[in-house]
């Protein structure tokens, strides 16, 4: 666990990778498919539909998303953190903050997705 961060955050995402992830969410929303909200994210992970789960670091209370990293690891679905639920909600096309998003279809964001996966392997726990 990284000091100063919630207990569910298992690694620190570099700012440039977090920004690329938000861009991926925006592009997937426009040209592919995303699921918004914890319940939809859980369903997409359990059904094996999620290609990537994006979790905000500033979720309060943290229990809302605390189990997502474990669920993703159990189902072998990659996950990544972004600093703010407000930015994640915005990237997802919402007028409200989003605690988590699942990318189901990357659409035209394939190159972003592949680069994020490469970088994610370097920073996330096995």
N, C-alpha and C. Protein backbone atom coordinates (compact mmCIF):
# COMPACT_ATOMS: atom_id res chain seq x y z
N UNK A 1 0.84 -1.18 0.00
CA UNK A 1 0.00 0.00 0.00
C UNK A 1 0.88 1.25 0.00
N UNK A 2 0.50 2.21 -0.78
CA UNK A 2 1.26 3.46 -0.86
C UNK A 2 0.81 4.39 0.25
N UNK A 3 1.75 5.00 1.00
CA UNK A 3 1.37 5.89 2.10
C UNK A 3 0.53 7.07 1.59
N UNK A 4 -0.47 7.46 2.37
CA UNK A 4 -1.30 8.60 2.03
C UNK A 4 -2.43 8.28 1.07
N UNK A 5 -2.50 7.04 0.60
CA UNK A 5 -3.57 6.66 -0.32
C UNK A 5 -4.49 5.66 0.37
N UNK A 6 -5.69 5.53 -0.15
CA UNK A 6 -6.66 4.59 0.41
C UNK A 6 -6.13 3.17 0.31
N UNK A 7 -6.64 2.31 1.16
CA UNK A 7 -6.16 0.93 1.24
C UNK A 7 -6.39 0.13 -0.04
N UNK A 8 -7.36 0.51 -0.87
CA UNK A 8 -7.62 -0.25 -2.09
C UNK A 8 -6.65 0.07 -3.23
N UNK A 9 -5.84 1.09 -3.05
CA UNK A 9 -4.90 1.48 -4.10
C UNK A 9 -3.62 0.68 -3.94
N UNK A 10 -3.38 -0.21 -4.89
CA UNK A 10 -2.26 -1.15 -4.78
C UNK A 10 -0.99 -0.69 -5.47
N UNK A 11 -1.10 0.33 -6.31
CA UNK A 11 0.08 0.91 -6.97
C UNK A 11 -0.26 2.32 -7.40
N UNK A 12 0.78 3.12 -7.61
CA UNK A 12 0.59 4.51 -8.01
C UNK A 12 0.70 4.59 -9.53
N UNK A 13 -0.30 5.19 -10.15
CA UNK A 13 -0.30 5.39 -11.60
C UNK A 13 0.40 6.71 -11.90
N UNK A 14 1.44 6.70 -12.74
CA UNK A 14 2.11 7.96 -13.11
C UNK A 14 1.11 8.90 -13.79
N UNK A 15 1.24 10.21 -13.58
CA UNK A 15 0.28 11.17 -14.13
C UNK A 15 0.06 11.04 -15.65
N UNK A 16 1.14 10.83 -16.40
CA UNK A 16 0.97 10.73 -17.87
C UNK A 16 0.18 9.48 -18.26
N UNK A 17 0.32 8.40 -17.49
CA UNK A 17 -0.44 7.18 -17.75
C UNK A 17 -1.91 7.38 -17.35
N UNK A 18 -2.14 8.08 -16.26
CA UNK A 18 -3.52 8.39 -15.83
C UNK A 18 -4.21 9.24 -16.89
N UNK A 19 -3.50 10.22 -17.43
CA UNK A 19 -4.08 11.08 -18.48
C UNK A 19 -4.39 10.28 -19.74
N UNK A 20 -3.49 9.39 -20.12
CA UNK A 20 -3.73 8.53 -21.30
C UNK A 20 -4.94 7.63 -21.05
N UNK A 21 -5.09 7.16 -19.81
CA UNK A 21 -6.23 6.31 -19.46
C UNK A 21 -7.54 7.08 -19.59
N UNK A 22 -7.55 8.32 -19.13
CA UNK A 22 -8.76 9.15 -19.26
C UNK A 22 -9.09 9.39 -20.73
N UNK A 23 -8.07 9.59 -21.54
CA UNK A 23 -8.28 9.75 -22.98
C UNK A 23 -8.84 8.47 -23.59
N UNK A 24 -8.33 7.32 -23.14
CA UNK A 24 -8.85 6.03 -23.60
C UNK A 24 -10.34 5.90 -23.26
N UNK A 25 -10.72 6.27 -22.04
CA UNK A 25 -12.12 6.19 -21.62
C UNK A 25 -12.98 7.07 -22.53
N UNK A 26 -12.50 8.28 -22.80
CA UNK A 26 -13.25 9.20 -23.66
C UNK A 26 -13.42 8.62 -25.07
N UNK A 27 -12.33 8.10 -25.63
CA UNK A 27 -12.39 7.54 -26.98
C UNK A 27 -13.25 6.27 -27.02
N UNK A 28 -13.14 5.44 -26.00
CA UNK A 28 -13.95 4.22 -25.94
C UNK A 28 -15.43 4.57 -25.81
N UNK A 29 -15.72 5.62 -25.07
CA UNK A 29 -17.10 6.07 -24.93
C UNK A 29 -17.67 6.49 -26.28
N UNK A 30 -16.84 7.17 -27.09
CA UNK A 30 -17.30 7.71 -28.37
C UNK A 30 -17.31 6.68 -29.49
N UNK A 31 -16.37 5.73 -29.48
CA UNK A 31 -16.25 4.81 -30.62
C UNK A 31 -16.35 3.34 -30.24
N UNK A 32 -16.41 3.05 -28.96
CA UNK A 32 -16.49 1.67 -28.50
C UNK A 32 -17.62 1.52 -27.51
N UNK A 33 -17.29 0.97 -26.33
CA UNK A 33 -18.33 0.77 -25.32
C UNK A 33 -17.71 0.76 -23.94
N UNK A 34 -18.35 1.47 -23.01
CA UNK A 34 -17.92 1.47 -21.62
C UNK A 34 -19.12 1.18 -20.73
N UNK A 35 -18.84 0.74 -19.51
CA UNK A 35 -19.86 0.56 -18.48
C UNK A 35 -19.51 1.51 -17.35
N UNK A 36 -20.52 2.20 -16.83
CA UNK A 36 -20.32 3.21 -15.80
C UNK A 36 -20.98 2.77 -14.50
N UNK A 37 -20.32 3.05 -13.39
CA UNK A 37 -20.90 2.75 -12.08
C UNK A 37 -20.45 1.39 -11.57
N UNK A 38 -20.31 1.30 -10.28
CA UNK A 38 -19.76 0.10 -9.65
C UNK A 38 -20.54 -1.16 -10.01
N UNK A 39 -21.87 -1.11 -9.97
CA UNK A 39 -22.65 -2.32 -10.26
C UNK A 39 -22.43 -2.81 -11.68
N UNK A 40 -22.42 -1.90 -12.65
CA UNK A 40 -22.18 -2.29 -14.04
C UNK A 40 -20.76 -2.80 -14.23
N UNK A 41 -19.81 -2.18 -13.54
CA UNK A 41 -18.40 -2.61 -13.62
C UNK A 41 -18.27 -4.02 -13.07
N UNK A 42 -18.88 -4.28 -11.93
CA UNK A 42 -18.82 -5.63 -11.33
C UNK A 42 -19.38 -6.66 -12.30
N UNK A 43 -20.54 -6.38 -12.87
CA UNK A 43 -21.16 -7.32 -13.81
C UNK A 43 -20.24 -7.58 -15.01
N UNK A 44 -19.65 -6.53 -15.55
CA UNK A 44 -18.80 -6.71 -16.73
C UNK A 44 -17.53 -7.50 -16.40
N UNK A 45 -17.00 -7.33 -15.19
CA UNK A 45 -15.83 -8.11 -14.76
C UNK A 45 -16.23 -9.57 -14.56
N UNK A 46 -17.32 -9.79 -13.85
CA UNK A 46 -17.76 -11.16 -13.58
C UNK A 46 -18.11 -11.92 -14.86
N UNK A 47 -18.61 -11.20 -15.86
CA UNK A 47 -18.96 -11.83 -17.14
C UNK A 47 -17.76 -11.93 -18.09
N UNK A 48 -16.63 -11.39 -17.67
CA UNK A 48 -15.43 -11.44 -18.51
C UNK A 48 -15.48 -10.51 -19.70
N UNK A 49 -16.34 -9.48 -19.66
CA UNK A 49 -16.48 -8.55 -20.78
C UNK A 49 -15.50 -7.38 -20.70
N UNK A 50 -15.08 -7.03 -19.50
CA UNK A 50 -14.22 -5.85 -19.31
C UNK A 50 -12.82 -6.11 -19.87
N UNK A 51 -12.32 -5.15 -20.63
CA UNK A 51 -10.94 -5.20 -21.13
C UNK A 51 -10.00 -4.48 -20.16
N UNK A 52 -10.57 -3.48 -19.46
CA UNK A 52 -9.81 -2.68 -18.50
C UNK A 52 -10.80 -2.04 -17.54
N UNK A 53 -10.46 -2.04 -16.26
CA UNK A 53 -11.27 -1.36 -15.25
C UNK A 53 -10.47 -0.15 -14.77
N UNK A 54 -11.13 1.00 -14.74
CA UNK A 54 -10.51 2.24 -14.29
C UNK A 54 -11.17 2.64 -12.98
N UNK A 55 -10.35 2.84 -11.95
CA UNK A 55 -10.85 3.13 -10.60
C UNK A 55 -10.30 4.49 -10.16
N UNK A 56 -11.17 5.34 -9.63
CA UNK A 56 -10.73 6.64 -9.11
C UNK A 56 -10.07 6.45 -7.75
N UNK A 57 -9.06 7.28 -7.48
CA UNK A 57 -8.33 7.19 -6.21
C UNK A 57 -9.03 7.93 -5.07
N UNK A 58 -9.90 8.87 -5.40
CA UNK A 58 -10.49 9.71 -4.35
C UNK A 58 -11.94 9.34 -4.04
N UNK A 59 -12.24 8.05 -4.05
CA UNK A 59 -13.60 7.59 -3.76
C UNK A 59 -13.81 7.61 -2.24
N UNK A 60 -14.94 8.18 -1.83
CA UNK A 60 -15.25 8.28 -0.41
C UNK A 60 -16.72 7.91 -0.21
N UNK A 61 -17.04 6.91 0.57
CA UNK A 61 -16.12 6.06 1.32
C UNK A 61 -15.41 5.05 0.41
N UNK A 62 -14.18 4.69 0.74
CA UNK A 62 -13.40 3.79 -0.10
C UNK A 62 -14.01 2.40 -0.26
N UNK A 63 -14.87 2.01 0.67
CA UNK A 63 -15.50 0.68 0.61
C UNK A 63 -16.29 0.48 -0.69
N UNK A 64 -16.70 1.56 -1.31
CA UNK A 64 -17.48 1.48 -2.56
C UNK A 64 -16.70 0.70 -3.63
N UNK A 65 -15.39 0.91 -3.68
CA UNK A 65 -14.57 0.26 -4.72
C UNK A 65 -13.46 -0.62 -4.15
N UNK A 66 -13.40 -0.77 -2.83
CA UNK A 66 -12.28 -1.46 -2.19
C UNK A 66 -12.07 -2.88 -2.70
N UNK A 67 -13.12 -3.56 -3.11
CA UNK A 67 -13.01 -4.95 -3.53
C UNK A 67 -12.70 -5.09 -5.03
N UNK A 68 -12.79 -4.01 -5.79
CA UNK A 68 -12.58 -4.10 -7.24
C UNK A 68 -11.20 -4.62 -7.64
N UNK A 69 -10.10 -4.14 -7.03
CA UNK A 69 -8.80 -4.69 -7.43
C UNK A 69 -8.71 -6.20 -7.23
N UNK A 70 -9.23 -6.72 -6.11
CA UNK A 70 -9.19 -8.16 -5.86
C UNK A 70 -10.04 -8.92 -6.88
N UNK A 71 -11.23 -8.40 -7.17
CA UNK A 71 -12.11 -9.03 -8.15
C UNK A 71 -11.44 -9.06 -9.53
N UNK A 72 -10.83 -7.94 -9.91
CA UNK A 72 -10.15 -7.87 -11.21
C UNK A 72 -8.99 -8.87 -11.26
N UNK A 73 -8.19 -8.94 -10.19
CA UNK A 73 -7.06 -9.88 -10.17
C UNK A 73 -7.56 -11.32 -10.26
N UNK A 74 -8.63 -11.61 -9.52
CA UNK A 74 -9.20 -12.95 -9.53
C UNK A 74 -9.66 -13.34 -10.94
N UNK A 75 -10.24 -12.39 -11.67
CA UNK A 75 -10.76 -12.65 -13.02
C UNK A 75 -9.75 -12.34 -14.12
N UNK A 76 -8.54 -11.94 -13.71
CA UNK A 76 -7.47 -11.60 -14.66
C UNK A 76 -7.85 -10.47 -15.61
N UNK A 77 -8.52 -9.47 -15.05
CA UNK A 77 -8.90 -8.27 -15.81
C UNK A 77 -7.95 -7.15 -15.35
N UNK A 78 -7.26 -6.51 -16.27
CA UNK A 78 -6.36 -5.41 -15.86
C UNK A 78 -7.16 -4.24 -15.29
N UNK A 79 -6.55 -3.58 -14.32
CA UNK A 79 -7.18 -2.40 -13.73
C UNK A 79 -6.12 -1.33 -13.52
N UNK A 80 -6.58 -0.09 -13.46
CA UNK A 80 -5.68 1.05 -13.31
C UNK A 80 -6.40 2.12 -12.52
N UNK A 81 -5.63 3.00 -11.90
CA UNK A 81 -6.20 4.09 -11.11
C UNK A 81 -6.01 5.42 -11.82
N UNK A 82 -6.97 6.32 -11.62
CA UNK A 82 -6.83 7.72 -12.02
C UNK A 82 -7.07 8.55 -10.77
N UNK A 83 -6.46 9.73 -10.68
CA UNK A 83 -6.52 10.48 -9.42
C UNK A 83 -7.91 10.94 -8.99
N UNK A 84 -8.78 11.33 -9.94
CA UNK A 84 -10.02 11.99 -9.53
C UNK A 84 -11.27 11.39 -10.17
N UNK A 85 -12.26 11.13 -9.33
CA UNK A 85 -13.54 10.62 -9.83
C UNK A 85 -14.24 11.65 -10.70
N UNK A 86 -13.96 12.94 -10.46
CA UNK A 86 -14.55 13.99 -11.28
C UNK A 86 -14.04 13.90 -12.72
N UNK A 87 -12.74 13.71 -12.88
CA UNK A 87 -12.14 13.58 -14.21
C UNK A 87 -12.62 12.30 -14.90
N UNK A 88 -12.78 11.23 -14.13
CA UNK A 88 -13.24 9.96 -14.69
C UNK A 88 -14.69 10.10 -15.17
N UNK A 89 -15.53 10.76 -14.37
CA UNK A 89 -16.91 10.99 -14.78
C UNK A 89 -16.98 11.83 -16.04
N UNK A 90 -16.15 12.85 -16.10
CA UNK A 90 -16.10 13.72 -17.27
C UNK A 90 -15.69 12.95 -18.51
N UNK A 91 -14.65 12.13 -18.39
CA UNK A 91 -14.17 11.34 -19.53
C UNK A 91 -15.23 10.35 -19.99
N UNK A 92 -16.07 9.90 -19.04
CA UNK A 92 -17.13 8.94 -19.36
C UNK A 92 -18.38 9.62 -19.90
N UNK A 93 -18.34 10.95 -19.99
CA UNK A 93 -19.49 11.68 -20.51
C UNK A 93 -20.59 11.91 -19.49
N UNK A 94 -20.24 11.83 -18.22
CA UNK A 94 -21.22 12.03 -17.15
C UNK A 94 -21.10 13.45 -16.59
N UNK A 95 -22.19 13.94 -16.04
CA UNK A 95 -22.15 15.24 -15.37
C UNK A 95 -21.89 15.09 -13.89
N UNK A 96 -21.67 13.86 -13.46
CA UNK A 96 -21.39 13.57 -12.05
C UNK A 96 -20.10 12.76 -11.98
N UNK A 97 -19.43 12.74 -10.82
CA UNK A 97 -18.21 11.93 -10.67
C UNK A 97 -18.50 10.45 -10.87
N UNK A 98 -17.48 9.71 -11.30
CA UNK A 98 -17.59 8.25 -11.46
C UNK A 98 -16.50 7.58 -10.65
N UNK A 99 -16.89 6.62 -9.82
CA UNK A 99 -15.90 5.93 -8.99
C UNK A 99 -15.14 4.89 -9.80
N UNK A 100 -15.82 4.31 -10.81
CA UNK A 100 -15.17 3.30 -11.64
C UNK A 100 -15.87 3.19 -12.99
N UNK A 101 -15.09 2.73 -13.96
CA UNK A 101 -15.55 2.55 -15.34
C UNK A 101 -14.94 1.25 -15.84
N UNK A 102 -15.69 0.51 -16.64
CA UNK A 102 -15.14 -0.66 -17.32
C UNK A 102 -15.14 -0.38 -18.81
N UNK A 103 -14.00 -0.57 -19.45
CA UNK A 103 -13.92 -0.45 -20.90
C UNK A 103 -14.25 -1.83 -21.46
N UNK A 104 -15.32 -1.90 -22.25
CA UNK A 104 -15.78 -3.16 -22.82
C UNK A 104 -15.22 -3.32 -24.24
N UNK A 105 -15.28 -2.24 -25.00
CA UNK A 105 -14.78 -2.23 -26.38
C UNK A 105 -13.97 -0.95 -26.54
N UNK A 106 -12.69 -1.06 -26.89
CA UNK A 106 -11.83 0.12 -26.97
C UNK A 106 -12.13 0.98 -28.20
N UNK A 107 -12.86 0.45 -29.16
CA UNK A 107 -13.19 1.24 -30.35
C UNK A 107 -11.93 1.68 -31.08
N UNK A 108 -11.86 2.95 -31.40
CA UNK A 108 -10.71 3.50 -32.14
C UNK A 108 -9.51 3.80 -31.24
N UNK A 109 -9.60 3.44 -29.97
CA UNK A 109 -8.53 3.74 -29.01
C UNK A 109 -7.56 2.57 -28.85
N UNK A 110 -7.48 1.68 -29.84
CA UNK A 110 -6.65 0.48 -29.71
C UNK A 110 -5.19 0.81 -29.39
N UNK A 111 -4.61 1.80 -30.07
CA UNK A 111 -3.20 2.12 -29.81
C UNK A 111 -3.01 2.64 -28.38
N UNK A 112 -3.94 3.46 -27.90
CA UNK A 112 -3.89 3.93 -26.51
C UNK A 112 -3.95 2.72 -25.57
N UNK A 113 -4.90 1.84 -25.85
CA UNK A 113 -5.10 0.67 -25.01
C UNK A 113 -3.84 -0.19 -24.94
N UNK A 114 -3.23 -0.46 -26.09
CA UNK A 114 -2.03 -1.30 -26.12
C UNK A 114 -0.88 -0.66 -25.36
N UNK A 115 -0.72 0.64 -25.50
CA UNK A 115 0.36 1.34 -24.79
C UNK A 115 0.09 1.34 -23.28
N UNK A 116 -1.15 1.55 -22.89
CA UNK A 116 -1.50 1.54 -21.47
C UNK A 116 -1.23 0.15 -20.88
N UNK A 117 -1.57 -0.90 -21.63
CA UNK A 117 -1.32 -2.26 -21.14
C UNK A 117 0.18 -2.51 -20.94
N UNK A 118 1.00 -2.02 -21.87
CA UNK A 118 2.46 -2.18 -21.74
C UNK A 118 2.97 -1.49 -20.48
N UNK A 119 2.53 -0.24 -20.27
CA UNK A 119 2.97 0.54 -19.11
C UNK A 119 2.43 -0.06 -17.80
N UNK A 120 1.22 -0.55 -17.85
CA UNK A 120 0.57 -1.12 -16.67
C UNK A 120 1.32 -2.36 -16.17
N UNK A 121 1.83 -3.17 -17.09
CA UNK A 121 2.58 -4.37 -16.70
C UNK A 121 3.82 -4.00 -15.88
N UNK A 122 4.38 -2.81 -16.13
CA UNK A 122 5.59 -2.37 -15.42
C UNK A 122 5.30 -1.93 -13.99
N UNK A 123 4.07 -1.46 -13.73
CA UNK A 123 3.80 -0.85 -12.41
C UNK A 123 2.84 -1.64 -11.53
N UNK A 124 2.03 -2.52 -12.12
CA UNK A 124 1.02 -3.21 -11.30
C UNK A 124 1.58 -4.52 -10.72
N UNK A 125 1.04 -4.91 -9.56
CA UNK A 125 1.50 -6.16 -8.96
C UNK A 125 1.00 -7.35 -9.77
N UNK A 126 1.72 -8.46 -9.75
CA UNK A 126 1.31 -9.64 -10.55
C UNK A 126 0.01 -10.25 -10.05
